[in-house]
């Protein structure tokens, strides 16, 4: 599984997005029996900085979205989790996010993002 990388500024909200499939078709809300989202500071994987179980209706779209947040391709995304400004609070840190969707057929491969936290002001 490929890791999606990105950069965000400290003390800001941001979204992690992806496109996922179930049995060769774009996934929809009804496919998800459960969802977990976790994140770790890559300097210390001993504890999570985020552990959530969002409902499908808050993170999965039944149609592909092509708004201005998505610039990877013209196809769009069907998964978006909005990360609070309390996660990326230390410039220079990297965070690994993992989202796992469980369907009636079992767990899908995890979606992974690595986000670098940058300083918001000049020195």
PDB file of N, CA and C in Angstrom:
ATOM      1  N   UNK A   1       0.846  -1.178   0.000  1.00  0.00           N
ATOM      2  CA  UNK A   1       0.000   0.000   0.000  1.00  0.00           C
ATOM      3  C   UNK A   1       0.888   1.237   0.000  1.00  0.00           C
ATOM      4  N   UNK A   2       0.589   2.148  -0.896  1.00  0.00           N
ATOM      5  CA  UNK A   2       1.359   3.397  -1.002  1.00  0.00           C
ATOM      6  C   UNK A   2       0.966   4.354   0.116  1.00  0.00           C
ATOM      7  N   UNK A   3       1.939   5.111   0.576  1.00  0.00           N
ATOM      8  CA  UNK A   3       1.691   6.132   1.591  1.00  0.00           C
ATOM      9  C   UNK A   3       1.546   7.468   0.894  1.00  0.00           C
ATOM     10  N   UNK A   4       0.453   8.154   1.145  1.00  0.00           N
ATOM     11  CA  UNK A   4       0.223   9.484   0.608  1.00  0.00           C
ATOM     12  C   UNK A   4       0.944  10.465   1.526  1.00  0.00           C
ATOM     13  N   UNK A   5       1.722  11.370   0.949  1.00  0.00           N
ATOM     14  CA  UNK A   5       2.485  12.317   1.763  1.00  0.00           C
ATOM     15  C   UNK A   5       1.942  13.729   1.582  1.00  0.00           C
ATOM     16  N   UNK A   6       2.156  14.548   2.612  1.00  0.00           N
ATOM     17  CA  UNK A   6       1.716  15.930   2.546  1.00  0.00           C
ATOM     18  C   UNK A   6       2.395  16.775   3.607  1.00  0.00           C
ATOM     19  N   UNK A   7       2.189  18.076   3.495  1.00  0.00           N
ATOM     20  CA  UNK A   7       2.750  19.044   4.432  1.00  0.00           C
ATOM     21  C   UNK A   7       1.613  19.927   4.922  1.00  0.00           C
ATOM     22  N   UNK A   8       1.574  20.162   6.237  1.00  0.00           N
ATOM     23  CA  UNK A   8       0.588  21.074   6.823  1.00  0.00           C
ATOM     24  C   UNK A   8       1.321  22.007   7.783  1.00  0.00           C
ATOM     25  N   UNK A   9       0.689  23.122   8.070  1.00  0.00           N
ATOM     26  CA  UNK A   9       1.265  24.054   9.034  1.00  0.00           C
ATOM     27  C   UNK A   9       0.791  23.721  10.435  1.00  0.00           C
ATOM     28  N   UNK A  10       1.701  23.899  11.405  1.00  0.00           N
ATOM     29  CA  UNK A  10       1.358  23.598  12.793  1.00  0.00           C
ATOM     30  C   UNK A  10       0.117  24.384  13.218  1.00  0.00           C
ATOM     31  N   UNK A  11      -0.613  23.801  14.141  1.00  0.00           N
ATOM     32  CA  UNK A  11      -1.814  24.405  14.723  1.00  0.00           C
ATOM     33  C   UNK A  11      -2.910  24.685  13.695  1.00  0.00           C
ATOM     34  N   UNK A  12      -2.967  23.894  12.624  1.00  0.00           N
ATOM     35  CA  UNK A  12      -4.018  24.090  11.638  1.00  0.00           C
ATOM     36  C   UNK A  12      -4.798  22.797  11.425  1.00  0.00           C
ATOM     37  N   UNK A  13      -6.028  22.949  10.997  1.00  0.00           N
ATOM     38  CA  UNK A  13      -6.823  21.788  10.620  1.00  0.00           C
ATOM     39  C   UNK A  13      -6.433  21.388   9.203  1.00  0.00           C
ATOM     40  N   UNK A  14      -6.642  20.131   8.871  1.00  0.00           N
ATOM     41  CA  UNK A  14      -6.389  19.647   7.514  1.00  0.00           C
ATOM     42  C   UNK A  14      -7.202  18.379   7.304  1.00  0.00           C
ATOM     43  N   UNK A  15      -7.251  17.925   6.069  1.00  0.00           N
ATOM     44  CA  UNK A  15      -8.011  16.724   5.731  1.00  0.00           C
ATOM     45  C   UNK A  15      -7.085  15.692   5.111  1.00  0.00           C
ATOM     46  N   UNK A  16      -7.346  14.426   5.435  1.00  0.00           N
ATOM     47  CA  UNK A  16      -6.692  13.322   4.744  1.00  0.00           C
ATOM     48  C   UNK A  16      -7.752  12.716   3.838  1.00  0.00           C
ATOM     49  N   UNK A  17      -7.391  12.526   2.579  1.00  0.00           N
ATOM     50  CA  UNK A  17      -8.363  12.078   1.582  1.00  0.00           C
ATOM     51  C   UNK A  17      -7.788  10.923   0.772  1.00  0.00           C
ATOM     52  N   UNK A  18      -8.698  10.134   0.217  1.00  0.00           N
ATOM     53  CA  UNK A  18      -8.288   9.026  -0.628  1.00  0.00           C
ATOM     54  C   UNK A  18      -9.495   8.540  -1.423  1.00  0.00           C
ATOM     55  N   UNK A  19      -9.226   7.602  -2.293  1.00  0.00           N
ATOM     56  CA  UNK A  19     -10.295   6.912  -3.010  1.00  0.00           C
ATOM     57  C   UNK A  19     -10.133   5.437  -2.668  1.00  0.00           C
ATOM     58  N   UNK A  20     -11.207   4.800  -2.275  1.00  0.00           N
ATOM     59  CA  UNK A  20     -11.115   3.379  -1.952  1.00  0.00           C
ATOM     60  C   UNK A  20     -12.168   2.598  -2.726  1.00  0.00           C
ATOM     61  N   UNK A  21     -11.862   1.328  -2.928  1.00  0.00           N
ATOM     62  CA  UNK A  21     -12.762   0.449  -3.670  1.00  0.00           C
ATOM     63  C   UNK A  21     -13.129  -0.759  -2.836  1.00  0.00           C
ATOM     64  N   UNK A  22     -14.296  -1.297  -3.133  1.00  0.00           N
ATOM     65  CA  UNK A  22     -14.765  -2.545  -2.532  1.00  0.00           C
ATOM     66  C   UNK A  22     -15.180  -3.444  -3.691  1.00  0.00           C
ATOM     67  N   UNK A  23     -14.528  -4.561  -3.828  1.00  0.00           N
ATOM     68  CA  UNK A  23     -14.817  -5.521  -4.905  1.00  0.00           C
ATOM     69  C   UNK A  23     -14.779  -4.868  -6.285  1.00  0.00           C
ATOM     70  N   UNK A  24     -13.789  -3.989  -6.518  1.00  0.00           N
ATOM     71  CA  UNK A  24     -13.595  -3.387  -7.825  1.00  0.00           C
ATOM     72  C   UNK A  24     -14.453  -2.178  -8.141  1.00  0.00           C
ATOM     73  N   UNK A  25     -15.313  -1.766  -7.212  1.00  0.00           N
ATOM     74  CA  UNK A  25     -16.146  -0.578  -7.418  1.00  0.00           C
ATOM     75  C   UNK A  25     -15.830   0.459  -6.356  1.00  0.00           C
ATOM     76  N   UNK A  26     -16.118   1.717  -6.659  1.00  0.00           N
ATOM     77  CA  UNK A  26     -15.902   2.758  -5.656  1.00  0.00           C
ATOM     78  C   UNK A  26     -16.717   2.444  -4.414  1.00  0.00           C
ATOM     79  N   UNK A  27     -16.078   2.541  -3.250  1.00  0.00           N
ATOM     80  CA  UNK A  27     -16.760   2.271  -1.994  1.00  0.00           C
ATOM     81  C   UNK A  27     -17.816   3.326  -1.691  1.00  0.00           C
ATOM     82  N   UNK A  28     -18.844   2.905  -0.950  1.00  0.00           N
ATOM     83  CA  UNK A  28     -19.913   3.805  -0.515  1.00  0.00           C
ATOM     84  C   UNK A  28     -20.147   3.601   0.977  1.00  0.00           C
ATOM     85  N   UNK A  29     -20.932   4.481   1.572  1.00  0.00           N
ATOM     86  CA  UNK A  29     -21.190   4.424   3.012  1.00  0.00           C
ATOM     87  C   UNK A  29     -21.709   3.066   3.459  1.00  0.00           C
ATOM     88  N   UNK A  30     -22.609   2.481   2.688  1.00  0.00           N
ATOM     89  CA  UNK A  30     -23.223   1.205   3.076  1.00  0.00           C
ATOM     90  C   UNK A  30     -22.221   0.053   3.132  1.00  0.00           C
ATOM     91  N   UNK A  31     -21.062   0.201   2.494  1.00  0.00           N
ATOM     92  CA  UNK A  31     -20.038  -0.854   2.526  1.00  0.00           C
ATOM     93  C   UNK A  31     -19.365  -0.965   3.887  1.00  0.00           C
ATOM     94  N   UNK A  32     -19.331   0.119   4.653  1.00  0.00           N
ATOM     95  CA  UNK A  32     -18.540   0.174   5.885  1.00  0.00           C
ATOM     96  C   UNK A  32     -19.320  -0.337   7.088  1.00  0.00           C
ATOM     97  N   UNK A  33     -18.832  -1.417   7.678  1.00  0.00           N
ATOM     98  CA  UNK A  33     -19.389  -1.903   8.943  1.00  0.00           C
ATOM     99  C   UNK A  33     -18.748  -1.183  10.112  1.00  0.00           C
ATOM    100  N   UNK A  34     -17.452  -0.878   9.982  1.00  0.00           N
ATOM    101  CA  UNK A  34     -16.747  -0.105  11.006  1.00  0.00           C
ATOM    102  C   UNK A  34     -15.550   0.588  10.377  1.00  0.00           C
ATOM    103  N   UNK A  35     -15.118   1.659  11.039  1.00  0.00           N
ATOM    104  CA  UNK A  35     -13.995   2.454  10.561  1.00  0.00           C
ATOM    105  C   UNK A  35     -13.137   2.834  11.759  1.00  0.00           C
ATOM    106  N   UNK A  36     -11.826   2.722  11.606  1.00  0.00           N
ATOM    107  CA  UNK A  36     -10.920   3.232  12.632  1.00  0.00           C
ATOM    108  C   UNK A  36      -9.903   4.149  11.961  1.00  0.00           C
ATOM    109  N   UNK A  37      -9.577   5.218  12.645  1.00  0.00           N
ATOM    110  CA  UNK A  37      -8.538   6.149  12.197  1.00  0.00           C
ATOM    111  C   UNK A  37      -7.581   6.318  13.367  1.00  0.00           C
ATOM    112  N   UNK A  38      -6.292   6.104  13.098  1.00  0.00           N
ATOM    113  CA  UNK A  38      -5.271   6.272  14.128  1.00  0.00           C
ATOM    114  C   UNK A  38      -4.120   7.077  13.549  1.00  0.00           C
ATOM    115  N   UNK A  39      -3.386   7.735  14.431  1.00  0.00           N
ATOM    116  CA  UNK A  39      -2.194   8.478  14.015  1.00  0.00           C
ATOM    117  C   UNK A  39      -1.131   8.364  15.094  1.00  0.00           C
ATOM    118  N   UNK A  40       0.127   8.365  14.638  1.00  0.00           N
ATOM    119  CA  UNK A  40       1.281   8.289  15.517  1.00  0.00           C
ATOM    120  C   UNK A  40       2.284   9.346  15.121  1.00  0.00           C
ATOM    121  N   UNK A  41       2.985   9.876  16.081  1.00  0.00           N
ATOM    122  CA  UNK A  41       4.165  10.698  15.823  1.00  0.00           C
ATOM    123  C   UNK A  41       5.242   9.708  15.390  1.00  0.00           C
ATOM    124  N   UNK A  42       5.844   9.920  14.223  1.00  0.00           N
ATOM    125  CA  UNK A  42       6.812   8.938  13.717  1.00  0.00           C
ATOM    126  C   UNK A  42       8.101   8.888  14.523  1.00  0.00           C
ATOM    127  N   UNK A  43       8.315   9.853  15.420  1.00  0.00           N
ATOM    128  CA  UNK A  43       9.473   9.806  16.303  1.00  0.00           C
ATOM    129  C   UNK A  43       9.240   8.900  17.501  1.00  0.00           C
ATOM    130  N   UNK A  44       7.974   8.517  17.728  1.00  0.00           N
ATOM    131  CA  UNK A  44       7.626   7.705  18.899  1.00  0.00           C
ATOM    132  C   UNK A  44       6.336   6.955  18.621  1.00  0.00           C
ATOM    133  N   UNK A  45       6.462   5.738  18.140  1.00  0.00           N
ATOM    134  CA  UNK A  45       5.288   4.943  17.792  1.00  0.00           C
ATOM    135  C   UNK A  45       4.668   4.228  18.998  1.00  0.00           C
ATOM    136  N   UNK A  46       5.091   4.556  20.206  1.00  0.00           N
ATOM    137  CA  UNK A  46       4.599   3.825  21.371  1.00  0.00           C
ATOM    138  C   UNK A  46       3.179   4.210  21.770  1.00  0.00           C
ATOM    139  N   UNK A  47       2.706   5.392  21.371  1.00  0.00           N
ATOM    140  CA  UNK A  47       1.331   5.774  21.704  1.00  0.00           C
ATOM    141  C   UNK A  47       0.731   6.564  20.553  1.00  0.00           C
ATOM    142  N   UNK A  48      -0.573   6.478  20.429  1.00  0.00           N
ATOM    143  CA  UNK A  48      -1.256   7.185  19.352  1.00  0.00           C
ATOM    144  C   UNK A  48      -1.515   8.634  19.747  1.00  0.00           C
ATOM    145  N   UNK A  49      -1.504   9.519  18.749  1.00  0.00           N
ATOM    146  CA  UNK A  49      -1.882  10.915  18.963  1.00  0.00           C
ATOM    147  C   UNK A  49      -3.327  11.133  18.528  1.00  0.00           C
ATOM    148  N   UNK A  50      -3.894  10.114  17.884  1.00  0.00           N
ATOM    149  CA  UNK A  50      -5.285  10.151  17.447  1.00  0.00           C
ATOM    150  C   UNK A  50      -5.799   8.729  17.375  1.00  0.00           C
ATOM    151  N   UNK A  51      -6.974   8.507  17.922  1.00  0.00           N
ATOM    152  CA  UNK A  51      -7.653   7.223  17.804  1.00  0.00           C
ATOM    153  C   UNK A  51      -9.141   7.532  17.730  1.00  0.00           C
ATOM    154  N   UNK A  52      -9.743   7.245  16.582  1.00  0.00           N
ATOM    155  CA  UNK A  52     -11.147   7.611  16.373  1.00  0.00           C
ATOM    156  C   UNK A  52     -11.883   6.501  15.638  1.00  0.00           C
ATOM    157  N   UNK A  53     -13.180   6.473  15.816  1.00  0.00           N
ATOM    158  CA  UNK A  53     -14.060   5.539  15.113  1.00  0.00           C
ATOM    159  C   UNK A  53     -15.204   6.336  14.483  1.00  0.00           C
ATOM    160  N   UNK A  54     -14.912   7.071  13.417  1.00  0.00           N
ATOM    161  CA  UNK A  54     -15.947   7.905  12.809  1.00  0.00           C
ATOM    162  C   UNK A  54     -17.035   7.067  12.141  1.00  0.00           C
ATOM    163  N   UNK A  55     -18.215   7.640  12.038  1.00  0.00           N
ATOM    164  CA  UNK A  55     -19.296   6.959  11.327  1.00  0.00           C
ATOM    165  C   UNK A  55     -19.067   7.111   9.830  1.00  0.00           C
ATOM    166  N   UNK A  56     -19.577   6.166   9.065  1.00  0.00           N
ATOM    167  CA  UNK A  56     -19.409   6.199   7.612  1.00  0.00           C
ATOM    168  C   UNK A  56     -19.971   7.483   7.017  1.00  0.00           C
ATOM    169  N   UNK A  57     -21.057   7.976   7.563  1.00  0.00           N
ATOM    170  CA  UNK A  57     -21.691   9.172   6.994  1.00  0.00           C
ATOM    171  C   UNK A  57     -20.849  10.429   7.151  1.00  0.00           C
ATOM    172  N   UNK A  58     -19.854  10.406   8.034  1.00  0.00           N
ATOM    173  CA  UNK A  58     -19.013  11.591   8.218  1.00  0.00           C
ATOM    174  C   UNK A  58     -17.709  11.539   7.425  1.00  0.00           C
ATOM    175  N   UNK A  59     -17.329  10.366   6.904  1.00  0.00           N
ATOM    176  CA  UNK A  59     -16.044  10.266   6.202  1.00  0.00           C
ATOM    177  C   UNK A  59     -16.123   9.660   4.800  1.00  0.00           C
ATOM    178  N   UNK A  60     -17.221   9.017   4.475  1.00  0.00           N
ATOM    179  CA  UNK A  60     -17.353   8.355   3.172  1.00  0.00           C
ATOM    180  C   UNK A  60     -18.435   9.052   2.358  1.00  0.00           C
ATOM    181  N   UNK A  61     -18.131   9.242   1.077  1.00  0.00           N
ATOM    182  CA  UNK A  61     -19.085   9.853   0.140  1.00  0.00           C
ATOM    183  C   UNK A  61     -19.565   8.782  -0.832  1.00  0.00           C
ATOM    184  N   UNK A  62     -20.848   8.775  -1.127  1.00  0.00           N
ATOM    185  CA  UNK A  62     -21.405   7.792  -2.053  1.00  0.00           C
ATOM    186  C   UNK A  62     -21.119   8.124  -3.513  1.00  0.00           C
ATOM    187  N   UNK A  63     -20.686   9.344  -3.775  1.00  0.00           N
ATOM    188  CA  UNK A  63     -20.245   9.741  -5.116  1.00  0.00           C
ATOM    189  C   UNK A  63     -18.860  10.362  -4.983  1.00  0.00           C
ATOM    190  N   UNK A  64     -18.067  10.251  -6.029  1.00  0.00           N
ATOM    191  CA  UNK A  64     -16.715  10.808  -5.989  1.00  0.00           C
ATOM    192  C   UNK A  64     -16.772  12.322  -5.958  1.00  0.00           C
ATOM    193  N   UNK A  65     -15.942  12.913  -5.117  1.00  0.00           N
ATOM    194  CA  UNK A  65     -15.888  14.356  -4.916  1.00  0.00           C
ATOM    195  C   UNK A  65     -14.701  14.929  -5.692  1.00  0.00           C
ATOM    196  N   UNK A  66     -14.911  16.042  -6.376  1.00  0.00           N
ATOM    197  CA  UNK A  66     -13.843  16.659  -7.163  1.00  0.00           C
ATOM    198  C   UNK A  66     -13.685  18.135  -6.813  1.00  0.00           C
ATOM    199  N   UNK A  67     -13.914  18.471  -5.549  1.00  0.00           N
ATOM    200  CA  UNK A  67     -13.778  19.871  -5.139  1.00  0.00           C
ATOM    201  C   UNK A  67     -12.308  20.287  -5.121  1.00  0.00           C
ATOM    202  N   UNK A  68     -12.056  21.547  -4.782  1.00  0.00           N
ATOM    203  CA  UNK A  68     -10.719  22.119  -4.820  1.00  0.00           C
ATOM    204  C   UNK A  68      -9.719  21.487  -3.873  1.00  0.00           C
ATOM    205  N   UNK A  69     -10.170  20.709  -2.913  1.00  0.00           N
ATOM    206  CA  UNK A  69      -9.233  20.050  -1.993  1.00  0.00           C
ATOM    207  C   UNK A  69      -8.472  18.924  -2.663  1.00  0.00           C
ATOM    208  N   UNK A  70      -9.032  18.347  -3.717  1.00  0.00           N
ATOM    209  CA  UNK A  70      -8.461  17.171  -4.380  1.00  0.00           C
ATOM    210  C   UNK A  70      -7.750  17.611  -5.650  1.00  0.00           C
ATOM    211  N   UNK A  71      -6.426  17.399  -5.691  1.00  0.00           N
ATOM    212  CA  UNK A  71      -5.675  17.784  -6.884  1.00  0.00           C
ATOM    213  C   UNK A  71      -4.867  16.634  -7.481  1.00  0.00           C
ATOM    214  N   UNK A  72      -5.139  15.430  -7.027  1.00  0.00           N
ATOM    215  CA  UNK A  72      -4.387  14.269  -7.509  1.00  0.00           C
ATOM    216  C   UNK A  72      -4.756  13.897  -8.944  1.00  0.00           C
ATOM    217  N   UNK A  73      -6.037  13.932  -9.266  1.00  0.00           N
ATOM    218  CA  UNK A  73      -6.507  13.582 -10.596  1.00  0.00           C
ATOM    219  C   UNK A  73      -7.910  14.159 -10.781  1.00  0.00           C
ATOM    220  N   UNK A  74      -8.500  13.922 -11.924  1.00  0.00           N
ATOM    221  CA  UNK A  74      -9.847  14.429 -12.196  1.00  0.00           C
ATOM    222  C   UNK A  74     -10.949  13.486 -11.761  1.00  0.00           C
ATOM    223  N   UNK A  75     -10.583  12.331 -11.205  1.00  0.00           N
ATOM    224  CA  UNK A  75     -11.574  11.323 -10.820  1.00  0.00           C
ATOM    225  C   UNK A  75     -12.239  11.651  -9.492  1.00  0.00           C
ATOM    226  N   UNK A  76     -11.470  12.055  -8.506  1.00  0.00           N
ATOM    227  CA  UNK A  76     -12.024  12.453  -7.220  1.00  0.00           C
ATOM    228  C   UNK A  76     -11.772  11.472  -6.093  1.00  0.00           C
ATOM    229  N   UNK A  77     -12.293  11.825  -4.923  1.00  0.00           N
ATOM    230  CA  UNK A  77     -12.117  11.027  -3.708  1.00  0.00           C
ATOM    231  C   UNK A  77     -13.483  10.639  -3.147  1.00  0.00           C
ATOM    232  N   UNK A  78     -13.493   9.566  -2.366  1.00  0.00           N
ATOM    233  CA  UNK A  78     -14.726   9.163  -1.677  1.00  0.00           C
ATOM    234  C   UNK A  78     -14.501   8.978  -0.176  1.00  0.00           C
ATOM    235  N   UNK A  79     -13.330   9.364   0.293  1.00  0.00           N
ATOM    236  CA  UNK A  79     -12.976   9.273   1.709  1.00  0.00           C
ATOM    237  C   UNK A  79     -12.321  10.582   2.127  1.00  0.00           C
ATOM    238  N   UNK A  80     -12.812  11.188   3.217  1.00  0.00           N
ATOM    239  CA  UNK A  80     -12.161  12.387   3.765  1.00  0.00           C
ATOM    240  C   UNK A  80     -12.369  12.413   5.269  1.00  0.00           C
ATOM    241  N   UNK A  81     -11.268  12.551   5.991  1.00  0.00           N
ATOM    242  CA  UNK A  81     -11.313  12.698   7.438  1.00  0.00           C
ATOM    243  C   UNK A  81     -10.685  14.047   7.765  1.00  0.00           C
ATOM    244  N   UNK A  82     -11.414  14.875   8.475  1.00  0.00           N
ATOM    245  CA  UNK A  82     -10.924  16.198   8.860  1.00  0.00           C
ATOM    246  C   UNK A  82     -10.195  16.094  10.199  1.00  0.00           C
ATOM    247  N   UNK A  83      -8.921  16.464  10.190  1.00  0.00           N
ATOM    248  CA  UNK A  83      -8.050  16.339  11.352  1.00  0.00           C
ATOM    249  C   UNK A  83      -8.049  17.664  12.121  1.00  0.00           C
ATOM    250  N   UNK A  84      -8.221  17.576  13.421  1.00  0.00           N
ATOM    251  CA  UNK A  84      -8.293  18.755  14.283  1.00  0.00           C
ATOM    252  C   UNK A  84      -6.937  19.456  14.390  1.00  0.00           C
ATOM    253  N   UNK A  85      -6.973  20.736  14.720  1.00  0.00           N
ATOM    254  CA  UNK A  85      -5.748  21.521  14.859  1.00  0.00           C
ATOM    255  C   UNK A  85      -4.918  21.122  16.077  1.00  0.00           C
ATOM    256  N   UNK A  86      -5.421  20.246  16.904  1.00  0.00           N
ATOM    257  CA  UNK A  86      -4.692  19.804  18.098  1.00  0.00           C
ATOM    258  C   UNK A  86      -3.724  18.652  17.817  1.00  0.00           C
ATOM    259  N   UNK A  87      -3.676  18.150  16.583  1.00  0.00           N
ATOM    260  CA  UNK A  87      -2.798  17.023  16.254  1.00  0.00           C
ATOM    261  C   UNK A  87      -1.414  17.501  15.827  1.00  0.00           C
ATOM    262  N   UNK A  88      -1.353  18.388  14.872  1.00  0.00           N
ATOM    263  CA  UNK A  88      -0.069  18.867  14.333  1.00  0.00           C
ATOM    264  C   UNK A  88       0.320  20.153  15.078  1.00  0.00           C
ATOM    265  N   UNK A  89       0.927  19.998  16.232  1.00  0.00           N
ATOM    266  CA  UNK A  89       1.231  21.165  17.063  1.00  0.00           C
ATOM    267  C   UNK A  89       2.728  21.448  17.194  1.00  0.00           C
ATOM    268  N   UNK A  90       3.579  20.573  16.670  1.00  0.00           N
ATOM    269  CA  UNK A  90       5.021  20.752  16.812  1.00  0.00           C
ATOM    270  C   UNK A  90       5.683  20.722  15.442  1.00  0.00           C
ATOM    271  N   UNK A  91       6.207  21.864  15.026  1.00  0.00           N
ATOM    272  CA  UNK A  91       6.903  21.942  13.747  1.00  0.00           C
ATOM    273  C   UNK A  91       8.063  20.960  13.713  1.00  0.00           C
ATOM    274  N   UNK A  92       8.284  20.370  12.557  1.00  0.00           N
ATOM    275  CA  UNK A  92       9.368  19.415  12.385  1.00  0.00           C
ATOM    276  C   UNK A  92       8.976  17.975  12.635  1.00  0.00           C
ATOM    277  N   UNK A  93       7.803  17.753  13.174  1.00  0.00           N
ATOM    278  CA  UNK A  93       7.343  16.389  13.438  1.00  0.00           C
ATOM    279  C   UNK A  93       6.641  15.833  12.208  1.00  0.00           C
ATOM    280  N   UNK A  94       6.670  14.516  12.100  1.00  0.00           N
ATOM    281  CA  UNK A  94       5.922  13.803  11.053  1.00  0.00           C
ATOM    282  C   UNK A  94       4.930  12.880  11.748  1.00  0.00           C
ATOM    283  N   UNK A  95       3.771  12.780  11.151  1.00  0.00           N
ATOM    284  CA  UNK A  95       2.714  11.951  11.713  1.00  0.00           C
ATOM    285  C   UNK A  95       2.256  10.941  10.673  1.00  0.00           C
ATOM    286  N   UNK A  96       2.074   9.701  11.100  1.00  0.00           N
ATOM    287  CA  UNK A  96       1.564   8.648  10.240  1.00  0.00           C
ATOM    288  C   UNK A  96       0.105   8.403  10.598  1.00  0.00           C
ATOM    289  N   UNK A  97      -0.773   8.547   9.618  1.00  0.00           N
ATOM    290  CA  UNK A  97      -2.201   8.310   9.794  1.00  0.00           C
ATOM    291  C   UNK A  97      -2.566   7.014   9.098  1.00  0.00           C
ATOM    292  N   UNK A  98      -3.437   6.235   9.749  1.00  0.00           N
ATOM    293  CA  UNK A  98      -3.901   4.971   9.195  1.00  0.00           C
ATOM    294  C   UNK A  98      -5.415   4.905   9.341  1.00  0.00           C
ATOM    295  N   UNK A  99      -6.096   4.608   8.245  1.00  0.00           N
ATOM    296  CA  UNK A  99      -7.545   4.407   8.282  1.00  0.00           C
ATOM    297  C   UNK A  99      -7.840   2.999   7.793  1.00  0.00           C
ATOM    298  N   UNK A 100      -8.671   2.290   8.550  1.00  0.00           N
ATOM    299  CA  UNK A 100      -9.050   0.933   8.188  1.00  0.00           C
ATOM    300  C   UNK A 100     -10.572   0.847   8.150  1.00  0.00           C
ATOM    301  N   UNK A 101     -11.078   0.360   7.036  1.00  0.00           N
ATOM    302  CA  UNK A 101     -12.516   0.155   6.864  1.00  0.00           C
ATOM    303  C   UNK A 101     -12.769  -1.339   6.869  1.00  0.00           C
ATOM    304  N   UNK A 102     -13.716  -1.769   7.691  1.00  0.00           N
ATOM    305  CA  UNK A 102     -14.132  -3.167   7.707  1.00  0.00           C
ATOM    306  C   UNK A 102     -15.468  -3.277   6.986  1.00  0.00           C
ATOM    307  N   UNK A 103     -15.517  -4.186   6.014  1.00  0.00           N
ATOM    308  CA  UNK A 103     -16.733  -4.432   5.246  1.00  0.00           C
ATOM    309  C   UNK A 103     -17.250  -5.831   5.581  1.00  0.00           C
ATOM    310  N   UNK A 104     -18.340  -6.222   4.963  1.00  0.00           N
ATOM    311  CA  UNK A 104     -18.872  -7.569   5.196  1.00  0.00           C
ATOM    312  C   UNK A 104     -17.895  -8.636   4.722  1.00  0.00           C
ATOM    313  N   UNK A 105     -16.981  -8.269   3.827  1.00  0.00           N
ATOM    314  CA  UNK A 105     -15.966  -9.198   3.347  1.00  0.00           C
ATOM    315  C   UNK A 105     -14.676  -9.171   4.152  1.00  0.00           C
ATOM    316  N   UNK A 106     -14.626  -8.353   5.199  1.00  0.00           N
ATOM    317  CA  UNK A 106     -13.431  -8.250   6.036  1.00  0.00           C
ATOM    318  C   UNK A 106     -12.798  -6.875   5.948  1.00  0.00           C
ATOM    319  N   UNK A 107     -11.609  -6.762   6.520  1.00  0.00           N
ATOM    320  CA  UNK A 107     -10.908  -5.480   6.534  1.00  0.00           C
ATOM    321  C   UNK A 107     -10.276  -5.209   5.171  1.00  0.00           C
ATOM    322  N   UNK A 108     -10.429  -3.959   4.717  1.00  0.00           N
ATOM    323  CA  UNK A 108      -9.741  -3.529   3.511  1.00  0.00           C
ATOM    324  C   UNK A 108      -8.295  -3.206   3.873  1.00  0.00           C
ATOM    325  N   UNK A 109      -7.394  -3.187   2.887  1.00  0.00           N
ATOM    326  CA  UNK A 109      -6.024  -2.761   3.185  1.00  0.00           C
ATOM    327  C   UNK A 109      -6.051  -1.349   3.776  1.00  0.00           C
ATOM    328  N   UNK A 110      -5.170  -1.050   4.708  1.00  0.00           N
ATOM    329  CA  UNK A 110      -5.197   0.283   5.329  1.00  0.00           C
ATOM    330  C   UNK A 110      -4.851   1.380   4.331  1.00  0.00           C
ATOM    331  N   UNK A 111      -5.460   2.533   4.533  1.00  0.00           N
ATOM    332  CA  UNK A 111      -5.081   3.737   3.802  1.00  0.00           C
ATOM    333  C   UNK A 111      -4.095   4.463   4.699  1.00  0.00           C
ATOM    334  N   UNK A 112      -2.976   4.931   4.132  1.00  0.00           N
ATOM    335  CA  UNK A 112      -1.899   5.518   4.927  1.00  0.00           C
ATOM    336  C   UNK A 112      -1.502   6.888   4.398  1.00  0.00           C
ATOM    337  N   UNK A 113      -1.248   7.797   5.314  1.00  0.00           N
ATOM    338  CA  UNK A 113      -0.784   9.143   4.995  1.00  0.00           C
ATOM    339  C   UNK A 113       0.362   9.488   5.950  1.00  0.00           C
ATOM    340  N   UNK A 114       1.398  10.140   5.437  1.00  0.00           N
ATOM    341  CA  UNK A 114       2.437  10.698   6.297  1.00  0.00           C
ATOM    342  C   UNK A 114       2.420  12.202   6.095  1.00  0.00           C
ATOM    343  N   UNK A 115       2.245  12.922   7.189  1.00  0.00           N
ATOM    344  CA  UNK A 115       2.089  14.369   7.137  1.00  0.00           C
ATOM    345  C   UNK A 115       3.230  15.025   7.907  1.00  0.00           C
ATOM    346  N   UNK A 116       3.893  15.962   7.253  1.00  0.00           N
ATOM    347  CA  UNK A 116       4.948  16.748   7.897  1.00  0.00           C
ATOM    348  C   UNK A 116       4.336  18.041   8.427  1.00  0.00           C
ATOM    349  N   UNK A 117       4.681  18.372   9.653  1.00  0.00           N
ATOM    350  CA  UNK A 117       4.172  19.590  10.295  1.00  0.00           C
ATOM    351  C   UNK A 117       5.227  20.687  10.177  1.00  0.00           C
ATOM    352  N   UNK A 118       4.866  21.796   9.538  1.00  0.00           N
ATOM    353  CA  UNK A 118       5.794  22.913   9.337  1.00  0.00           C
ATOM    354  C   UNK A 118       5.442  24.098  10.204  1.00  0.00           C
ATOM    355  N   UNK A 119       6.445  24.901  10.491  1.00  0.00           N
ATOM    356  CA  UNK A 119       6.275  26.097  11.306  1.00  0.00           C
ATOM    357  C   UNK A 119       5.430  27.124  10.557  1.00  0.00           C
ATOM    358  N   UNK A 120       4.601  27.868  11.288  1.00  0.00           N
ATOM    359  CA  UNK A 120       3.687  28.819  10.672  1.00  0.00           C
ATOM    360  C   UNK A 120       4.248  30.220  10.546  1.00  0.00           C
ATOM    361  N   UNK A 121       5.347  30.522  11.196  1.00  0.00           N
ATOM    362  CA  UNK A 121       5.857  31.891  11.161  1.00  0.00           C
ATOM    363  C   UNK A 121       7.363  31.867  10.876  1.00  0.00           C
ATOM    364  N   UNK A 122       7.864  32.993  10.399  1.00  0.00           N
ATOM    365  CA  UNK A 122       9.299  33.071  10.144  1.00  0.00           C
ATOM    366  C   UNK A 122      10.021  33.397  11.455  1.00  0.00           C
ATOM    367  N   UNK A 123      11.277  33.038  11.520  1.00  0.00           N
ATOM    368  CA  UNK A 123      12.029  33.258  12.768  1.00  0.00           C
ATOM    369  C   UNK A 123      12.589  34.663  12.843  1.00  0.00           C
TER     370      UNK A 123
END
